[in-house]
Amino acid sequence: MSDPEDVQASNLNAPLFELYTRIGADYTDARQRFGSEKTIERFIRRFVEDRTFENLKAAYDSKDEKAIYYEICEFAEICGSLSLNRLSETAGVIMEAYRPANVLNRETFHVNDLFDTLFQQYYRTIEAIKETLEFNEDIE
């Protein structure tokens, strides 16, 4: 396996490296996990098409706490697996707020503000991914 600095330096101008930097993600970690840019891009494309975020938003809009907890756990796991750190960290705080043991302390987490932040981060991330993939349509 390559040294993380070598991976980063050898791909400094790569579109996916630039994307990961732009969205507050860890390209080096993703590259080590997936091994190639093709694999990273394939999973990033799947992330754009994944319905977990829409399910989470629907659960949030309906105030279904069990569904919120389930969906935020799924979303945090997906983001963590893709090394989308900014999204993963925000989702992780929300997940803690909705953990059944924290039901009485939920207000201290400011979950509405956290959800607003998560929604903004998600939409910016999706926009950045779509802009980047427009330039790389030949990679499957």
N, C-alpha and C. Protein backbone atom coordinates (compact mmCIF):
# COMPACT_ATOMS: atom_id res chain seq x y z
N MET A 1 0.86 -1.18 0.00
CA MET A 1 0.00 0.00 0.00
C MET A 1 0.89 1.23 0.00
N SER A 2 0.47 2.26 -0.69
CA SER A 2 1.24 3.48 -0.81
C SER A 2 1.21 4.28 0.48
N ASP A 3 2.27 5.05 0.67
CA ASP A 3 2.30 6.01 1.76
C ASP A 3 1.25 7.08 1.48
N PRO A 4 0.47 7.51 2.49
CA PRO A 4 -0.59 8.50 2.26
C PRO A 4 -0.09 9.77 1.60
N GLU A 5 1.12 10.21 1.95
CA GLU A 5 1.64 11.42 1.32
C GLU A 5 1.91 11.20 -0.16
N ASP A 6 2.39 9.98 -0.52
CA ASP A 6 2.61 9.67 -1.93
C ASP A 6 1.31 9.64 -2.70
N VAL A 7 0.27 9.06 -2.10
CA VAL A 7 -1.04 9.00 -2.75
C VAL A 7 -1.53 10.42 -3.00
N GLN A 8 -1.43 11.27 -1.99
CA GLN A 8 -1.91 12.63 -2.13
C GLN A 8 -1.09 13.39 -3.16
N ALA A 9 0.22 13.30 -3.08
CA ALA A 9 1.08 14.06 -3.98
C ALA A 9 0.94 13.59 -5.42
N SER A 10 0.77 12.28 -5.62
CA SER A 10 0.68 11.77 -6.98
C SER A 10 -0.65 12.11 -7.65
N ASN A 11 -1.63 12.57 -6.87
CA ASN A 11 -2.94 12.87 -7.43
C ASN A 11 -3.37 14.30 -7.15
N LEU A 12 -2.40 15.18 -6.91
CA LEU A 12 -2.70 16.54 -6.52
C LEU A 12 -3.59 17.25 -7.52
N ASN A 13 -3.44 16.98 -8.80
CA ASN A 13 -4.24 17.66 -9.81
C ASN A 13 -5.43 16.83 -10.30
N ALA A 14 -5.62 15.68 -9.73
CA ALA A 14 -6.72 14.81 -10.15
C ALA A 14 -8.05 15.44 -9.75
N PRO A 15 -9.05 15.36 -10.64
CA PRO A 15 -10.37 15.93 -10.32
C PRO A 15 -10.99 15.40 -9.04
N LEU A 16 -10.84 14.11 -8.76
CA LEU A 16 -11.43 13.58 -7.53
C LEU A 16 -10.72 14.10 -6.29
N PHE A 17 -9.40 14.29 -6.37
CA PHE A 17 -8.66 14.87 -5.25
C PHE A 17 -9.18 16.28 -5.00
N GLU A 18 -9.34 17.05 -6.06
CA GLU A 18 -9.84 18.42 -5.93
C GLU A 18 -11.27 18.42 -5.38
N LEU A 19 -12.09 17.50 -5.83
CA LEU A 19 -13.45 17.38 -5.32
C LEU A 19 -13.42 17.11 -3.82
N TYR A 20 -12.66 16.11 -3.42
CA TYR A 20 -12.60 15.75 -2.00
C TYR A 20 -12.12 16.93 -1.15
N THR A 21 -11.15 17.66 -1.64
CA THR A 21 -10.66 18.84 -0.92
C THR A 21 -11.77 19.88 -0.80
N ARG A 22 -12.47 20.11 -1.89
CA ARG A 22 -13.54 21.12 -1.95
C ARG A 22 -14.68 20.82 -0.98
N ILE A 23 -15.01 19.55 -0.80
CA ILE A 23 -16.17 19.20 0.03
C ILE A 23 -15.80 18.79 1.46
N GLY A 24 -14.56 18.98 1.83
CA GLY A 24 -14.15 18.67 3.19
C GLY A 24 -14.09 17.18 3.46
N ALA A 25 -13.61 16.44 2.49
CA ALA A 25 -13.51 14.99 2.61
C ALA A 25 -12.03 14.59 2.59
N ASP A 26 -11.76 13.33 2.83
CA ASP A 26 -10.38 12.84 2.93
C ASP A 26 -10.08 11.91 1.75
N TYR A 27 -9.50 12.49 0.71
CA TYR A 27 -9.19 11.74 -0.51
C TYR A 27 -8.19 10.62 -0.22
N THR A 28 -7.17 10.91 0.58
CA THR A 28 -6.14 9.91 0.87
C THR A 28 -6.75 8.68 1.52
N ASP A 29 -7.64 8.90 2.47
CA ASP A 29 -8.32 7.78 3.13
C ASP A 29 -9.17 7.00 2.13
N ALA A 30 -9.91 7.71 1.29
CA ALA A 30 -10.75 7.05 0.28
C ALA A 30 -9.89 6.25 -0.69
N ARG A 31 -8.78 6.83 -1.11
CA ARG A 31 -7.91 6.15 -2.07
C ARG A 31 -7.31 4.89 -1.46
N GLN A 32 -6.94 4.97 -0.19
CA GLN A 32 -6.41 3.78 0.48
C GLN A 32 -7.49 2.73 0.64
N ARG A 33 -8.70 3.15 0.95
CA ARG A 33 -9.80 2.21 1.16
C ARG A 33 -10.22 1.54 -0.15
N PHE A 34 -10.35 2.32 -1.22
CA PHE A 34 -10.89 1.80 -2.48
C PHE A 34 -9.83 1.42 -3.50
N GLY A 35 -8.62 1.95 -3.37
CA GLY A 35 -7.53 1.54 -4.23
C GLY A 35 -7.37 2.28 -5.54
N SER A 36 -8.44 2.77 -6.11
CA SER A 36 -8.32 3.44 -7.40
C SER A 36 -9.36 4.55 -7.53
N GLU A 37 -9.06 5.49 -8.41
CA GLU A 37 -10.01 6.57 -8.67
C GLU A 37 -11.30 6.04 -9.30
N LYS A 38 -11.18 5.05 -10.15
CA LYS A 38 -12.39 4.48 -10.77
C LYS A 38 -13.35 3.96 -9.72
N THR A 39 -12.81 3.28 -8.73
CA THR A 39 -13.65 2.72 -7.67
C THR A 39 -14.26 3.83 -6.82
N ILE A 40 -13.44 4.83 -6.48
CA ILE A 40 -13.96 5.97 -5.71
C ILE A 40 -15.10 6.62 -6.49
N GLU A 41 -14.86 6.90 -7.76
CA GLU A 41 -15.88 7.57 -8.55
C GLU A 41 -17.15 6.73 -8.68
N ARG A 42 -17.00 5.43 -8.82
CA ARG A 42 -18.18 4.57 -8.91
C ARG A 42 -19.04 4.69 -7.64
N PHE A 43 -18.39 4.69 -6.49
CA PHE A 43 -19.15 4.81 -5.25
C PHE A 43 -19.68 6.22 -5.02
N ILE A 44 -18.95 7.22 -5.46
CA ILE A 44 -19.46 8.60 -5.36
C ILE A 44 -20.69 8.76 -6.24
N ARG A 45 -20.69 8.17 -7.42
CA ARG A 45 -21.88 8.21 -8.28
C ARG A 45 -23.07 7.54 -7.59
N ARG A 46 -22.81 6.43 -6.95
CA ARG A 46 -23.88 5.74 -6.22
C ARG A 46 -24.40 6.59 -5.07
N PHE A 47 -23.50 7.34 -4.43
CA PHE A 47 -23.91 8.23 -3.34
C PHE A 47 -24.90 9.27 -3.85
N VAL A 48 -24.65 9.83 -5.01
CA VAL A 48 -25.55 10.83 -5.60
C VAL A 48 -26.94 10.22 -5.83
N GLU A 49 -26.97 8.98 -6.23
CA GLU A 49 -28.23 8.31 -6.55
C GLU A 49 -28.90 7.65 -5.34
N ASP A 50 -28.17 7.53 -4.24
CA ASP A 50 -28.67 6.85 -3.05
C ASP A 50 -29.86 7.60 -2.45
N ARG A 51 -30.83 6.87 -1.94
CA ARG A 51 -32.07 7.45 -1.40
C ARG A 51 -32.03 7.69 0.11
N THR A 52 -30.94 7.35 0.76
CA THR A 52 -30.87 7.46 2.22
C THR A 52 -31.12 8.89 2.68
N PHE A 53 -30.54 9.87 2.01
CA PHE A 53 -30.73 11.25 2.43
C PHE A 53 -32.20 11.66 2.30
N GLU A 54 -32.84 11.28 1.19
CA GLU A 54 -34.26 11.61 1.02
C GLU A 54 -35.10 10.95 2.11
N ASN A 55 -34.77 9.72 2.45
CA ASN A 55 -35.47 9.02 3.53
C ASN A 55 -35.26 9.73 4.87
N LEU A 56 -34.04 10.19 5.11
CA LEU A 56 -33.74 10.93 6.33
C LEU A 56 -34.53 12.23 6.38
N LYS A 57 -34.56 12.95 5.29
CA LYS A 57 -35.29 14.22 5.24
C LYS A 57 -36.78 13.99 5.47
N ALA A 58 -37.33 12.94 4.87
CA ALA A 58 -38.75 12.62 5.08
C ALA A 58 -39.02 12.28 6.54
N ALA A 59 -38.13 11.52 7.17
CA ALA A 59 -38.29 11.18 8.58
C ALA A 59 -38.21 12.44 9.44
N TYR A 60 -37.29 13.32 9.11
CA TYR A 60 -37.15 14.59 9.84
C TYR A 60 -38.41 15.44 9.69
N ASP A 61 -38.90 15.56 8.45
CA ASP A 61 -40.10 16.37 8.19
C ASP A 61 -41.32 15.82 8.92
N SER A 62 -41.39 14.50 9.07
CA SER A 62 -42.53 13.89 9.76
C SER A 62 -42.30 13.75 11.27
N LYS A 63 -41.10 14.14 11.72
CA LYS A 63 -40.74 14.07 13.14
C LYS A 63 -40.81 12.65 13.72
N ASP A 64 -40.53 11.68 12.87
CA ASP A 64 -40.52 10.27 13.28
C ASP A 64 -39.13 9.95 13.84
N GLU A 65 -39.02 10.00 15.16
CA GLU A 65 -37.71 9.88 15.80
C GLU A 65 -37.03 8.54 15.56
N LYS A 66 -37.79 7.46 15.55
CA LYS A 66 -37.19 6.15 15.27
C LYS A 66 -36.63 6.10 13.85
N ALA A 67 -37.41 6.62 12.91
CA ALA A 67 -36.96 6.64 11.52
C ALA A 67 -35.76 7.57 11.35
N ILE A 68 -35.78 8.70 12.04
CA ILE A 68 -34.64 9.62 11.98
C ILE A 68 -33.39 8.90 12.45
N TYR A 69 -33.48 8.24 13.57
CA TYR A 69 -32.32 7.54 14.12
C TYR A 69 -31.81 6.47 13.14
N TYR A 70 -32.71 5.68 12.62
CA TYR A 70 -32.31 4.64 11.67
C TYR A 70 -31.63 5.25 10.44
N GLU A 71 -32.27 6.28 9.86
CA GLU A 71 -31.74 6.87 8.63
C GLU A 71 -30.45 7.64 8.86
N ILE A 72 -30.33 8.31 10.01
CA ILE A 72 -29.09 9.06 10.26
C ILE A 72 -27.93 8.10 10.49
N CYS A 73 -28.22 6.94 11.10
CA CYS A 73 -27.17 5.92 11.25
C CYS A 73 -26.70 5.41 9.89
N GLU A 74 -27.65 5.15 9.02
CA GLU A 74 -27.31 4.69 7.65
C GLU A 74 -26.50 5.76 6.91
N PHE A 75 -26.98 7.00 6.99
CA PHE A 75 -26.33 8.10 6.29
C PHE A 75 -24.91 8.31 6.81
N ALA A 76 -24.74 8.32 8.13
CA ALA A 76 -23.41 8.51 8.71
C ALA A 76 -22.46 7.39 8.28
N GLU A 77 -22.96 6.18 8.22
CA GLU A 77 -22.13 5.04 7.81
C GLU A 77 -21.69 5.18 6.35
N ILE A 78 -22.62 5.55 5.50
CA ILE A 78 -22.28 5.73 4.08
C ILE A 78 -21.25 6.82 3.92
N CYS A 79 -21.48 7.97 4.56
CA CYS A 79 -20.54 9.09 4.46
C CYS A 79 -19.17 8.72 5.01
N GLY A 80 -19.15 8.01 6.13
CA GLY A 80 -17.88 7.57 6.70
C GLY A 80 -17.15 6.62 5.77
N SER A 81 -17.87 5.71 5.16
CA SER A 81 -17.25 4.75 4.24
C SER A 81 -16.62 5.44 3.03
N LEU A 82 -17.22 6.54 2.61
CA LEU A 82 -16.71 7.28 1.45
C LEU A 82 -15.70 8.36 1.85
N SER A 83 -15.39 8.43 3.14
CA SER A 83 -14.48 9.44 3.69
C SER A 83 -14.99 10.86 3.47
N LEU A 84 -16.30 11.01 3.47
CA LEU A 84 -16.93 12.33 3.36
C LEU A 84 -17.03 12.90 4.79
N ASN A 85 -15.90 13.33 5.30
CA ASN A 85 -15.76 13.65 6.72
C ASN A 85 -16.71 14.73 7.21
N ARG A 86 -16.86 15.79 6.46
CA ARG A 86 -17.72 16.88 6.93
C ARG A 86 -19.15 16.39 7.14
N LEU A 87 -19.67 15.66 6.18
CA LEU A 87 -21.02 15.10 6.31
C LEU A 87 -21.08 14.06 7.42
N SER A 88 -20.08 13.22 7.48
CA SER A 88 -20.05 12.15 8.47
C SER A 88 -20.01 12.70 9.89
N GLU A 89 -19.23 13.73 10.10
CA GLU A 89 -19.12 14.31 11.45
C GLU A 89 -20.44 14.95 11.88
N THR A 90 -21.06 15.70 11.00
CA THR A 90 -22.34 16.33 11.34
C THR A 90 -23.40 15.26 11.58
N ALA A 91 -23.44 14.26 10.72
CA ALA A 91 -24.40 13.17 10.90
C ALA A 91 -24.14 12.43 12.21
N GLY A 92 -22.89 12.28 12.58
CA GLY A 92 -22.55 11.59 13.82
C GLY A 92 -23.07 12.32 15.06
N VAL A 93 -23.02 13.66 15.04
CA VAL A 93 -23.55 14.42 16.17
C VAL A 93 -25.06 14.27 16.23
N ILE A 94 -25.71 14.33 15.08
CA ILE A 94 -27.17 14.13 15.03
C ILE A 94 -27.53 12.73 15.51
N MET A 95 -26.75 11.76 15.10
CA MET A 95 -27.00 10.38 15.52
C MET A 95 -26.93 10.27 17.04
N GLU A 96 -25.96 10.91 17.65
CA GLU A 96 -25.86 10.89 19.11
C GLU A 96 -27.09 11.55 19.75
N ALA A 97 -27.56 12.63 19.15
CA ALA A 97 -28.73 13.32 19.69
C ALA A 97 -29.97 12.43 19.65
N TYR A 98 -30.07 11.60 18.63
CA TYR A 98 -31.25 10.74 18.47
C TYR A 98 -31.08 9.34 19.06
N ARG A 99 -29.92 9.10 19.63
CA ARG A 99 -29.72 7.82 20.32
C ARG A 99 -30.77 7.75 21.44
N PRO A 100 -31.47 6.64 21.57
CA PRO A 100 -32.56 6.56 22.56
C PRO A 100 -32.19 7.04 23.96
N ALA A 101 -30.97 6.83 24.38
CA ALA A 101 -30.56 7.26 25.72
C ALA A 101 -30.51 8.77 25.87
N ASN A 102 -30.48 9.51 24.78
CA ASN A 102 -30.35 10.96 24.83
C ASN A 102 -31.66 11.71 24.64
N VAL A 103 -32.77 11.02 24.72
CA VAL A 103 -34.06 11.63 24.43
C VAL A 103 -34.32 12.87 25.29
N LEU A 104 -33.91 12.86 26.54
CA LEU A 104 -34.16 14.01 27.42
C LEU A 104 -33.20 15.16 27.16
N ASN A 105 -32.07 14.89 26.57
CA ASN A 105 -31.06 15.91 26.33
C ASN A 105 -31.02 16.40 24.88
N ARG A 106 -32.00 16.02 24.10
CA ARG A 106 -31.98 16.32 22.67
C ARG A 106 -31.87 17.82 22.38
N GLU A 107 -32.53 18.64 23.19
CA GLU A 107 -32.49 20.08 22.95
C GLU A 107 -31.08 20.64 23.09
N THR A 108 -30.27 20.05 23.96
CA THR A 108 -28.90 20.55 24.14
C THR A 108 -28.05 20.34 22.89
N PHE A 109 -28.47 19.45 22.03
CA PHE A 109 -27.74 19.21 20.79
C PHE A 109 -28.10 20.22 19.69
N HIS A 110 -29.16 21.00 19.87
CA HIS A 110 -29.62 21.96 18.85
C HIS A 110 -29.83 21.23 17.51
N VAL A 111 -30.65 20.19 17.53
CA VAL A 111 -30.80 19.33 16.36
C VAL A 111 -31.34 20.06 15.14
N ASN A 112 -32.21 21.03 15.32
CA ASN A 112 -32.71 21.75 14.14
C ASN A 112 -31.58 22.48 13.42
N ASP A 113 -30.70 23.11 14.20
CA ASP A 113 -29.55 23.77 13.60
C ASP A 113 -28.61 22.76 12.94
N LEU A 114 -28.44 21.63 13.59
CA LEU A 114 -27.58 20.58 13.02
C LEU A 114 -28.16 20.05 11.71
N PHE A 115 -29.47 19.85 11.68
CA PHE A 115 -30.10 19.39 10.44
C PHE A 115 -29.96 20.43 9.34
N ASP A 116 -30.13 21.70 9.68
CA ASP A 116 -29.93 22.75 8.68
C ASP A 116 -28.52 22.70 8.11
N THR A 117 -27.55 22.53 8.99
CA THR A 117 -26.15 22.43 8.57
C THR A 117 -25.95 21.20 7.68
N LEU A 118 -26.50 20.07 8.11
CA LEU A 118 -26.36 18.84 7.34
C LEU A 118 -26.99 18.98 5.95
N PHE A 119 -28.18 19.56 5.89
CA PHE A 119 -28.84 19.73 4.60
C PHE A 119 -28.02 20.61 3.67
N GLN A 120 -27.49 21.71 4.20
CA GLN A 120 -26.65 22.60 3.37
C GLN A 120 -25.40 21.87 2.90
N GLN A 121 -24.74 21.15 3.81
CA GLN A 121 -23.53 20.41 3.45
C GLN A 121 -23.84 19.37 2.37
N TYR A 122 -24.94 18.67 2.54
CA TYR A 122 -25.30 17.62 1.58
C TYR A 122 -25.54 18.23 0.19
N TYR A 123 -26.33 19.28 0.11
CA TYR A 123 -26.64 19.87 -1.20
C TYR A 123 -25.39 20.44 -1.86
N ARG A 124 -24.50 21.05 -1.07
CA ARG A 124 -23.24 21.56 -1.64
C ARG A 124 -22.38 20.39 -2.13
N THR A 125 -22.37 19.31 -1.38
CA THR A 125 -21.58 18.14 -1.76
C THR A 125 -22.11 17.53 -3.06
N ILE A 126 -23.41 17.36 -3.15
CA ILE A 126 -24.01 16.79 -4.37
C ILE A 126 -23.74 17.69 -5.57
N GLU A 127 -23.88 18.99 -5.38
CA GLU A 127 -23.60 19.93 -6.46
C GLU A 127 -22.15 19.81 -6.93
N ALA A 128 -21.22 19.76 -5.99
CA ALA A 128 -19.80 19.64 -6.34
C ALA A 128 -19.51 18.33 -7.05
N ILE A 129 -20.12 17.25 -6.59
CA ILE A 129 -19.92 15.95 -7.23
C ILE A 129 -20.43 15.99 -8.67
N LYS A 130 -21.62 16.52 -8.86
CA LYS A 130 -22.19 16.58 -10.21
C LYS A 130 -21.35 17.45 -11.13
N GLU A 131 -20.85 18.56 -10.63
CA GLU A 131 -19.99 19.42 -11.45
C GLU A 131 -18.71 18.69 -11.84
N THR A 132 -18.12 17.97 -10.90
CA THR A 132 -16.87 17.26 -11.16
C THR A 132 -17.10 16.11 -12.13
N LEU A 133 -18.17 15.36 -11.94
CA LEU A 133 -18.40 14.20 -12.79
C LEU A 133 -18.75 14.60 -14.22
N GLU A 134 -19.24 15.80 -14.42
CA GLU A 134 -19.49 16.27 -15.80
C GLU A 134 -18.22 16.23 -16.62
N PHE A 135 -17.08 16.45 -15.97
CA PHE A 135 -15.81 16.48 -16.66
C PHE A 135 -15.17 15.11 -16.78
N ASN A 136 -15.78 14.10 -16.17
CA ASN A 136 -15.19 12.77 -16.14
C ASN A 136 -16.22 11.70 -16.51
N GLU A 137 -17.05 11.97 -17.46
CA GLU A 137 -18.10 11.02 -17.83
C GLU A 137 -17.55 9.71 -18.38
N ASP A 138 -16.27 9.67 -18.80
CA ASP A 138 -15.71 8.46 -19.38
C ASP A 138 -15.34 7.43 -18.32
N ILE A 139 -15.32 7.80 -17.05
CA ILE A 139 -14.99 6.84 -15.99
C ILE A 139 -16.28 6.21 -15.50
N GLU A 140 -16.32 4.88 -15.46
CA GLU A 140 -17.52 4.17 -15.01
C GLU A 140 -17.36 3.65 -13.62
